[in-house]
Protein backbone atom coordinates (compact mmCIF):
# COMPACT_ATOMS: atom_id res chain seq x y z
CA MET A 1 16.63 145.91 -74.69
CA ALA A 2 17.79 145.83 -78.26
CA HIS A 3 21.03 147.78 -77.39
CA GLU A 4 22.07 144.96 -75.12
CA LEU A 5 22.82 142.82 -78.07
CA LYS A 6 24.89 143.68 -81.02
CA VAL A 7 22.56 144.16 -84.09
CA GLU A 8 24.80 141.78 -86.08
CA GLN A 9 24.13 139.12 -83.50
CA ILE A 10 20.40 139.60 -83.62
CA ALA A 11 20.27 139.43 -87.40
CA ALA A 12 22.55 136.27 -87.56
CA ALA A 13 20.32 134.55 -84.88
CA GLN A 14 17.25 134.75 -87.16
CA VAL A 15 18.52 131.89 -89.32
CA PRO A 16 18.03 128.68 -87.32
CA SER A 17 20.72 126.14 -86.85
CA ALA A 18 20.84 123.07 -89.31
CA GLY A 19 17.91 120.76 -88.63
CA GLU A 20 15.93 123.27 -86.52
CA LEU A 21 12.69 125.38 -87.25
CA THR A 22 11.61 128.63 -85.73
CA LEU A 23 8.54 130.84 -85.69
CA ASP A 24 9.90 133.48 -88.08
CA HIS A 25 6.92 135.81 -88.61
CA VAL A 26 3.29 136.18 -89.09
CA ALA A 27 1.47 138.30 -91.62
CA HIS A 28 -1.65 140.30 -91.49
CA PHE A 29 -3.55 140.90 -94.77
CA VAL A 30 -4.88 144.42 -94.46
CA PRO A 31 -6.99 146.52 -96.96
CA ASP A 32 -5.64 149.95 -95.73
CA ILE A 33 -1.92 150.00 -94.89
CA GLY A 34 -2.25 153.54 -93.63
CA ALA A 35 -5.03 152.77 -91.16
CA ALA A 36 -3.08 149.69 -90.00
CA SER A 37 0.05 151.66 -89.58
CA ALA A 38 -1.59 154.33 -87.48
CA ALA A 39 -3.11 151.80 -85.22
CA LEU A 40 0.25 150.05 -84.73
CA GLU A 41 2.09 153.12 -84.03
CA ARG A 42 -0.44 154.14 -81.43
CA LEU A 43 0.13 150.59 -79.90
CA GLY A 44 3.81 151.64 -79.46
CA PHE A 45 5.35 149.73 -82.39
CA THR A 46 8.14 151.11 -84.61
CA LEU A 47 7.39 150.20 -88.41
CA THR A 48 9.76 149.85 -91.37
CA PRO A 49 9.02 152.00 -94.39
CA PHE A 50 6.50 150.75 -96.91
CA SER A 51 8.15 148.45 -99.40
CA GLU A 52 6.89 147.00 -102.70
CA GLN A 53 7.50 143.32 -103.27
CA SER A 54 8.61 141.40 -106.37
CA HIS A 55 9.10 137.72 -107.15
CA ARG A 56 10.47 135.34 -109.71
CA LEU A 57 8.11 132.97 -111.51
CA GLU A 58 10.95 130.47 -112.15
CA PRO A 59 14.45 130.25 -110.86
CA GLY A 60 16.64 132.55 -113.02
CA ASP A 61 13.77 134.67 -114.27
CA PRO A 62 13.94 138.38 -113.82
CA PRO A 63 11.85 139.61 -110.81
CA ILE A 64 8.42 140.92 -111.51
CA PRO A 65 6.15 143.16 -109.37
CA ALA A 66 3.97 141.21 -107.08
CA GLY A 67 1.35 143.90 -106.75
CA THR A 68 1.71 143.75 -102.85
CA GLY A 69 3.64 145.78 -100.31
CA ASN A 70 4.46 145.63 -96.71
CA ARG A 71 5.44 147.32 -93.61
CA CYS A 72 6.98 145.33 -90.78
CA VAL A 73 7.49 145.42 -86.98
CA MET A 74 11.00 143.99 -86.42
CA LEU A 75 11.60 142.24 -83.13
CA GLU A 76 14.73 140.87 -81.62
CA ARG A 77 13.32 137.37 -82.29
CA GLY A 78 11.03 137.16 -85.36
CA TYR A 79 8.86 139.90 -86.76
CA LEU A 80 5.38 140.97 -87.72
CA GLU A 81 4.40 141.69 -91.37
CA PHE A 82 1.45 143.74 -92.58
CA LEU A 83 0.75 143.04 -96.32
CA THR A 84 -1.55 144.91 -98.53
CA PRO A 85 -2.56 144.56 -102.22
CA PHE A 86 -2.35 147.61 -104.46
CA ALA A 87 -2.41 146.27 -108.03
CA GLU A 88 -4.32 143.72 -110.11
CA THR A 89 -2.06 140.64 -110.08
CA PRO A 90 -2.52 137.14 -109.03
CA VAL A 91 -0.71 137.49 -105.86
CA ALA A 92 -2.61 140.66 -104.90
CA ASP A 93 -5.86 138.85 -105.72
CA GLN A 94 -4.92 136.18 -103.32
CA LEU A 95 -4.70 138.58 -100.46
CA ARG A 96 -8.08 140.01 -101.45
CA GLU A 97 -9.72 136.71 -101.53
CA ALA A 98 -8.40 135.85 -98.07
CA MET A 99 -9.58 139.21 -96.66
CA HIS A 100 -13.12 138.43 -97.86
CA ARG A 101 -13.10 135.81 -95.05
CA TYR A 102 -11.67 138.12 -92.46
CA VAL A 103 -9.10 140.92 -92.09
CA GLY A 104 -6.19 139.79 -89.98
CA VAL A 105 -3.39 137.20 -89.81
CA HIS A 106 -3.50 134.88 -92.86
CA LEU A 107 0.27 133.67 -92.96
CA ILE A 108 2.58 131.93 -90.64
CA ALA A 109 6.24 131.67 -91.72
CA LEU A 110 8.59 129.08 -90.19
CA GLY A 111 12.19 129.82 -90.20
CA SER A 112 14.48 127.34 -91.90
CA SER A 113 18.07 127.16 -92.90
CA ALA A 114 17.35 124.37 -95.42
CA PRO A 115 14.36 124.90 -97.51
CA GLU A 116 15.22 122.11 -99.94
CA ALA A 117 14.97 119.64 -97.02
CA ASP A 118 11.70 121.23 -95.89
CA HIS A 119 10.33 120.86 -99.54
CA GLN A 120 11.33 117.11 -99.46
CA ARG A 121 9.70 116.50 -96.20
CA LEU A 122 6.56 118.09 -97.45
CA VAL A 123 6.77 115.78 -100.62
CA THR A 124 7.12 112.77 -98.48
CA GLU A 125 4.24 113.58 -96.20
CA GLY A 126 1.92 114.23 -99.09
CA PHE A 127 1.58 118.01 -99.12
CA ASP A 128 2.47 118.38 -102.72
CA PRO A 129 4.63 121.57 -102.21
CA LEU A 130 5.10 124.06 -104.98
CA THR A 131 8.58 124.71 -106.43
CA PRO A 132 10.56 126.97 -103.89
CA VAL A 133 10.12 130.70 -104.70
CA ALA A 134 12.85 133.40 -104.68
CA LEU A 135 11.47 136.66 -103.29
CA GLN A 136 13.03 139.99 -102.90
CA ARG A 137 12.23 143.59 -102.04
CA PRO A 138 14.30 146.77 -101.86
CA ILE A 139 15.41 148.08 -98.48
CA GLU A 140 17.12 151.12 -97.31
CA THR A 141 20.12 150.70 -95.06
CA ALA A 142 22.75 153.08 -93.67
CA ALA A 143 24.90 152.31 -96.63
CA GLY A 144 22.17 152.98 -99.15
CA GLU A 145 19.58 150.79 -100.73
CA GLU A 146 19.98 147.04 -100.69
CA THR A 147 17.94 144.03 -101.75
CA ALA A 148 16.54 141.85 -99.16
CA ARG A 149 16.25 138.21 -100.41
CA PHE A 150 14.32 135.13 -99.24
CA THR A 151 13.62 131.59 -100.39
CA VAL A 152 10.09 130.55 -99.54
CA VAL A 153 8.60 127.03 -99.72
CA ARG A 154 4.75 126.96 -99.98
CA VAL A 155 1.97 124.37 -100.51
CA PRO A 156 -0.97 124.70 -102.96
CA PRO A 157 -3.88 127.08 -101.75
CA ARG A 158 -6.25 125.57 -99.32
CA THR A 159 -3.79 122.62 -98.58
CA MET A 160 -3.65 124.15 -95.15
CA PRO A 161 -7.03 125.67 -94.55
CA GLU A 162 -5.90 128.01 -91.73
CA GLY A 163 -3.95 130.15 -94.43
CA ARG A 164 -0.74 130.47 -96.08
CA ILE A 165 1.64 128.26 -94.03
CA GLN A 166 5.22 128.38 -95.35
CA TYR A 167 8.81 128.02 -94.76
CA CYS A 168 11.13 131.08 -95.02
CA ARG A 169 14.94 131.13 -95.44
CA HIS A 170 16.51 134.55 -94.93
CA HIS A 171 19.51 135.07 -97.19
CA THR A 172 20.01 138.75 -95.98
CA PRO A 173 18.86 139.14 -92.48
CA GLU A 174 21.39 141.95 -91.80
CA TYR A 175 19.30 144.16 -94.06
CA LEU A 176 16.06 143.50 -92.26
CA TRP A 177 17.24 143.67 -88.60
CA GLN A 178 18.54 147.23 -88.13
CA MET A 179 18.93 148.88 -84.83
CA ARG A 180 16.83 151.80 -85.72
CA TRP A 181 13.61 149.42 -86.17
CA LEU A 182 14.22 147.24 -83.02
CA ALA A 183 13.25 149.73 -80.27
CA HIS A 184 9.48 149.80 -79.49
CA ARG A 185 7.78 152.04 -76.96
CA ASN A 186 5.59 149.12 -75.78
CA GLY A 187 8.74 147.13 -75.00
CA ALA A 188 8.11 144.38 -77.49
CA ARG A 189 11.01 141.99 -77.97
CA ALA A 190 10.10 138.71 -79.42
CA LEU A 191 7.28 136.71 -81.28
CA SER A 192 6.68 133.82 -78.93
CA SER A 193 3.67 131.84 -80.20
CA VAL A 194 0.77 132.07 -82.71
CA LEU A 195 -2.83 131.18 -81.93
CA LEU A 196 -4.84 129.05 -84.41
CA CYS A 197 -8.57 128.71 -83.87
CA VAL A 198 -9.76 125.39 -85.52
CA GLY A 199 -12.75 123.19 -85.38
CA ASP A 200 -10.70 120.08 -84.53
CA PRO A 201 -7.52 121.01 -82.71
CA GLU A 202 -6.18 117.49 -82.51
CA GLU A 203 -6.54 116.93 -86.30
CA ALA A 204 -4.90 120.30 -86.95
CA ALA A 205 -1.97 119.65 -84.50
CA ARG A 206 -1.28 116.27 -86.03
CA ARG A 207 -1.41 117.77 -89.60
CA TYR A 208 1.05 120.52 -88.50
CA GLY A 209 3.17 117.91 -86.91
CA ARG A 210 3.47 116.12 -90.27
CA PHE A 211 4.17 119.54 -91.82
CA THR A 212 6.94 120.42 -89.43
CA GLY A 213 8.38 116.99 -88.28
CA LEU A 214 7.61 118.29 -84.80
CA VAL A 215 5.37 116.49 -82.00
CA PRO A 216 2.29 118.25 -80.62
CA VAL A 217 1.86 118.34 -76.79
CA ALA A 218 -1.18 119.04 -74.57
CA ALA A 219 -1.25 122.65 -73.28
CA GLY A 220 -4.25 123.18 -70.93
CA ARG A 221 -7.38 123.22 -73.16
CA ALA A 222 -5.19 123.45 -76.25
CA LEU A 223 -2.46 121.68 -78.13
CA ARG A 224 0.87 123.16 -78.92
CA ILE A 225 3.90 122.55 -81.24
CA ASP A 226 7.08 123.95 -79.95
CA THR A 227 9.77 124.97 -82.37
CA ALA A 228 13.38 125.88 -81.51
CA ARG A 229 12.06 129.39 -81.07
CA GLY A 230 8.25 129.99 -80.59
CA ALA A 231 5.25 127.86 -80.79
CA LEU A 232 2.02 127.11 -82.63
CA VAL A 233 -1.01 126.87 -80.33
CA PHE A 234 -4.28 125.14 -81.48
CA ALA A 235 -7.55 125.69 -79.89
CA SER A 236 -11.24 125.41 -80.47
CA PRO A 237 -13.56 128.43 -80.88
CA GLY A 238 -15.02 127.63 -77.52
CA THR A 239 -11.67 127.63 -75.82
CA LEU A 240 -10.57 130.94 -77.31
CA ARG A 241 -13.91 132.41 -76.21
CA ASP A 242 -13.68 131.10 -72.68
CA THR A 243 -10.06 131.81 -72.07
CA LEU A 244 -9.35 134.96 -74.03
CA GLY A 245 -12.73 136.35 -74.67
CA LEU A 246 -12.21 136.16 -78.52
CA THR A 247 -15.08 135.38 -80.89
CA ALA A 248 -13.92 133.90 -84.23
CA PRO A 249 -15.14 135.71 -87.36
CA ALA A 250 -14.61 132.44 -89.29
CA VAL A 251 -13.26 128.93 -88.58
CA PRO A 252 -10.42 128.27 -89.14
CA TRP A 253 -9.00 131.59 -87.99
CA ILE A 254 -5.35 132.67 -87.15
CA ALA A 255 -6.59 134.54 -84.21
CA GLY A 256 -3.42 136.29 -83.13
CA TYR A 257 -0.09 135.79 -81.44
CA ALA A 258 1.90 136.42 -78.19
CA ILE A 259 4.68 138.81 -77.90
CA GLU A 260 7.34 138.74 -75.14
CA VAL A 261 8.19 142.25 -73.74
CA SER A 262 11.06 143.54 -71.56
CA ASP A 263 8.92 144.68 -68.76
CA LEU A 264 5.18 143.86 -68.68
CA GLU A 265 4.35 146.43 -66.00
CA ALA A 266 5.98 149.09 -68.01
CA THR A 267 3.98 147.89 -71.10
CA ARG A 268 0.84 148.04 -68.96
CA ALA A 269 1.68 151.65 -67.91
CA PHE A 270 2.31 152.69 -71.48
CA PHE A 271 -1.05 151.29 -72.69
CA ALA A 272 -2.80 153.01 -69.64
CA ALA A 273 -1.04 156.39 -70.60
CA SER A 274 -2.03 155.90 -74.27
CA ARG A 275 -5.56 154.97 -73.41
CA ILE A 276 -5.29 151.60 -75.04
CA GLU A 277 -7.92 149.20 -73.88
CA VAL A 278 -6.36 146.12 -72.38
CA ARG A 279 -7.88 142.86 -71.08
CA ASP A 280 -6.03 141.34 -68.06
CA LEU A 281 -5.93 137.59 -68.36
CA PRO A 282 -5.76 135.43 -65.32
CA ASP A 283 -2.26 134.29 -65.76
CA GLY A 284 -1.06 137.93 -65.71
CA ARG A 285 -0.76 138.33 -69.39
CA LEU A 286 -2.31 141.29 -71.19
CA LEU A 287 -4.44 141.08 -74.25
CA VAL A 288 -5.10 143.85 -76.81
CA ALA A 289 -7.75 143.35 -79.55
CA LEU A 290 -6.59 145.08 -82.80
CA PRO A 291 -9.06 147.25 -84.81
CA GLU A 292 -11.19 145.62 -87.47
CA HIS A 293 -9.05 147.09 -90.30
CA THR A 294 -6.00 145.23 -88.90
CA GLY A 295 -7.71 142.27 -87.34
CA GLY A 296 -6.70 139.69 -84.68
CA ALA A 297 -5.46 140.12 -81.04
CA ILE A 298 -2.08 140.26 -79.42
CA VAL A 299 -1.18 138.75 -76.06
CA PHE A 300 1.63 140.52 -74.31
CA GLU A 301 3.82 138.48 -71.94
CA SER A 302 6.89 138.59 -69.70
CA ALA A 303 10.18 137.04 -70.60
CA GLY A 304 10.37 133.59 -68.67
CA GLN A 305 6.67 133.35 -68.15
CA LYS A 306 5.51 129.76 -68.55
CA PRO A 307 4.40 128.81 -72.03
CA LEU A 308 0.73 130.04 -73.01
CA THR A 309 -1.50 127.16 -72.43
CA LEU A 310 -5.10 128.65 -72.71
CA ASP A 311 -5.94 127.42 -69.15
CA PRO A 312 -8.19 130.06 -67.47
CA GLY A 313 -6.34 129.56 -64.16
CA GLY A 314 -7.43 130.54 -60.67
CA LYS A 315 -11.03 130.78 -59.75
CA LEU A 316 -12.17 131.03 -63.38
CA ALA A 317 -10.35 127.70 -63.94
CA GLU A 318 -12.19 126.00 -61.23
CA ALA A 319 -15.59 127.21 -62.46
CA GLU A 320 -14.71 126.06 -66.14
CA ARG A 321 -13.64 122.59 -64.77
CA MET A 322 -17.02 122.09 -63.08
CA ASP A 323 -18.25 120.90 -66.51
CA ALA A 324 -15.24 118.67 -67.21
CA LEU A 325 -15.52 114.90 -67.49
CA ARG A 326 -14.54 113.15 -64.30
CA GLU A 327 -14.27 109.46 -63.81
CA LEU A 328 -16.90 107.70 -61.49
CA ARG A 329 -15.11 105.33 -59.11
CA ASP A 330 -16.30 101.76 -58.57
CA THR A 331 -18.02 101.63 -61.78
CA ARG A 332 -20.04 98.31 -61.95
CA GLN A 333 -18.49 95.63 -64.17
CA VAL A 334 -20.75 93.22 -66.10
CA ALA A 335 -19.70 89.48 -66.31
CA GLY A 336 -18.78 88.47 -69.94
CA GLU A 337 -18.32 92.17 -71.06
CA PRO A 338 -15.08 94.01 -71.53
CA ARG A 339 -13.88 96.23 -68.62
CA ARG A 340 -15.51 99.53 -68.64
CA ARG A 341 -14.89 103.02 -67.21
CA TRP A 342 -17.36 105.72 -66.83
CA PHE A 343 -16.80 109.55 -67.00
CA SER A 344 -19.44 112.04 -66.21
CA SER A 345 -20.11 115.89 -66.40
CA ALA A 346 -23.10 118.08 -66.18
CA ASP A 347 -23.82 117.59 -69.94
CA LEU A 348 -21.91 114.50 -70.92
CA ASP A 349 -21.58 110.80 -70.01
CA LEU A 350 -18.83 108.77 -71.57
CA ILE A 351 -18.70 105.00 -70.99
CA VAL A 352 -15.72 103.11 -72.53
CA TRP A 353 -15.07 99.43 -72.97
CA LEU A 354 -11.43 98.27 -72.90
CA ASP A 355 -9.75 94.98 -73.90
CA GLU A 356 -7.08 93.30 -71.91
CA THR A 357 -4.41 95.60 -73.32
CA GLY A 358 -6.31 98.79 -72.24
CA SER A 359 -7.33 99.63 -75.88
CA VAL A 360 -10.74 101.09 -76.43
CA VAL A 361 -13.09 98.58 -78.10
CA GLY A 362 -16.35 100.49 -77.73
CA PHE A 363 -17.75 103.51 -76.24
CA GLN A 364 -21.04 105.35 -75.55
CA LEU A 365 -21.06 109.13 -75.44
CA CYS A 366 -24.33 110.63 -74.09
CA TYR A 367 -24.68 114.31 -74.73
CA ASP A 368 -27.13 117.25 -74.35
CA LYS A 369 -28.20 115.55 -70.97
CA SER A 370 -30.21 118.60 -69.89
CA ARG A 371 -32.11 119.14 -73.15
CA GLY A 372 -33.04 116.13 -75.30
CA GLU A 373 -30.40 113.67 -74.37
CA ARG A 374 -28.89 111.67 -77.27
CA ALA A 375 -26.13 108.98 -77.44
CA LEU A 376 -23.56 107.93 -79.98
CA THR A 377 -22.35 104.31 -79.53
CA TRP A 378 -19.41 102.74 -81.39
CA ARG A 379 -18.39 99.19 -81.13
CA ALA A 380 -15.30 97.60 -82.76
CA GLY A 381 -16.39 95.54 -85.67
CA ARG A 382 -19.95 96.82 -85.55
CA GLY A 383 -19.57 100.49 -86.09
CA TYR A 384 -21.83 103.48 -85.04
CA ASP A 385 -25.33 103.77 -83.64
CA HIS A 386 -26.87 107.23 -82.93
CA SER A 387 -30.00 107.29 -80.65
CA ALA A 388 -32.25 109.42 -78.58
CA ILE A 389 -32.65 108.42 -74.97
CA ASP A 390 -36.05 107.76 -73.59
CA ASP A 391 -36.17 109.60 -70.26
CA GLY A 392 -37.19 107.53 -67.31
CA GLU A 393 -35.84 104.16 -68.51
CA GLY A 394 -32.82 103.95 -66.22
CA ASN A 395 -29.20 103.41 -67.05
CA PRO A 396 -28.13 104.09 -70.63
CA ALA A 397 -24.75 102.27 -70.18
CA GLN A 398 -25.61 98.83 -71.65
CA TYR A 399 -22.98 97.40 -74.01
CA LYS A 400 -25.00 94.62 -75.58
CA SER A 401 -28.52 95.63 -75.11
CA THR A 402 -29.89 99.22 -75.07
CA PRO A 403 -33.70 99.17 -74.68
CA ILE A 404 -33.97 102.79 -73.77
CA LEU A 405 -32.30 104.05 -76.92
CA VAL A 406 -34.58 104.95 -79.90
CA ALA A 407 -33.34 105.60 -83.38
CA ASP A 408 -32.21 109.28 -84.08
CA GLY A 409 -30.63 109.96 -87.47
CA HIS A 410 -29.09 113.44 -87.03
CA PHE A 411 -25.66 113.63 -85.39
CA ASP A 412 -23.82 117.02 -85.39
CA ARG A 413 -20.42 115.61 -85.47
CA GLU A 414 -18.40 118.86 -85.25
CA ARG A 415 -20.39 120.28 -82.38
CA VAL A 416 -20.27 117.12 -80.28
CA ALA A 417 -16.60 116.67 -80.99
CA GLU A 418 -15.93 120.31 -79.86
CA ILE A 419 -17.95 119.76 -76.68
CA PHE A 420 -16.17 116.49 -75.95
CA LEU A 421 -12.69 117.90 -76.52
CA GLU A 422 -13.34 120.90 -74.40
CA SER A 423 -14.60 118.67 -71.55
CA SER A 424 -12.16 115.82 -71.74
CA GLU A 425 -8.94 117.33 -70.27
CA ASP A 426 -8.90 115.07 -67.39
CA VAL A 427 -9.80 111.91 -69.40
CA PRO A 428 -6.68 109.74 -69.86
CA ALA A 429 -5.03 110.70 -73.20
CA PRO A 430 -5.35 107.19 -74.85
CA ILE A 431 -9.01 107.16 -74.20
CA ARG A 432 -9.66 110.75 -75.11
CA ASP A 433 -7.67 110.37 -78.46
CA ALA A 434 -9.47 107.14 -79.25
CA VAL A 435 -12.90 108.66 -78.75
CA ALA A 436 -12.06 111.91 -80.56
CA ASP A 437 -10.65 109.87 -83.44
CA ARG A 438 -13.88 107.99 -83.75
CA LEU A 439 -15.89 111.18 -83.53
CA ARG A 440 -13.88 112.66 -86.33
CA HIS A 441 -14.53 109.55 -88.55
CA TYR A 442 -18.27 109.32 -87.92
CA SER A 443 -20.33 108.78 -91.13
């Protein structure tokens, strides 16, 4: 519980050590702060008072009203922000524009102790960052009103299509993390991960890897980037639907986040007593979908629980994996051709050709096997062929001659890439990555 740590220690720990990044906070953009506040309080969160925001257009300029305000849920590690526009300003209009796509999380802030270094990394990586912005807002403390101050590093709008992805350096964490705001009836303690729903998880994870300087890793049917505290999890719409039961209102979509609680069973009991609808996930976590006027979903988890991987687990996992690509043993090799490996599922066949170093020099991906089968073939130095398969003509896996393939011009790159990525967990990573890269670059 919050009382187990001195509030001064909690506040000081929000600023990461030199060279580290953390998951600092996420922000919902909401049209009605009153409705959002009522929903959050019913869920057992303690909120800070409403605070109007201001910013400086240039360093040294006087602060001007931003036309936006917020309430926050302060946690022992990180926090949740709920932003609303209330005036006609450029900043407020940005929130309204985002809410036209969906109401919910539109901002991820990474905690930093060196915003200048973050800015330079973004320059080096080609993100064209904006000049760091000094933000501030008034805040009540036991000693009276103080000013909370931050330095924020952003990139131009739509550079990161998922939303406003930025760095935040807290200059006055002692004003934000006050003991009276750290106790929550639902037991919430820490922001542990954020869920990003994207059309191409591998592309997004690589881009965020460049943005953060951190390396993505596989996480079940998703990819994740671990910071010094908290993680970014990238998943396709199909994966979020199959594992969490969430339907994306738009893609990309910052779908929600995970919160660590002090006692998951006590949290479950609180929700039951409050008549909060909860979805039990196969790995023991709890999911709560927020109302439409707040948007998104929250996954509640225990301290020390293994990282969220979006793997259905148990019997559900076995059912899901029935459609996974699995390698066929003793694949026939053809004299004079590169060595080949064959992977098959109910709806896909993947044949890859490898050179003597094991690198992919060609592949054929057959898809929609049960309803008008088609094949995309790629060969190094020769490019792509997309064809329909004439049923009854035998084996489609011929590298140099494909008599059963007939020209078919349309190729739904995004759909096929999503199907492949969701089915290829058991395909060796170098092969999976090479095929996914070629699917992304099909033209």
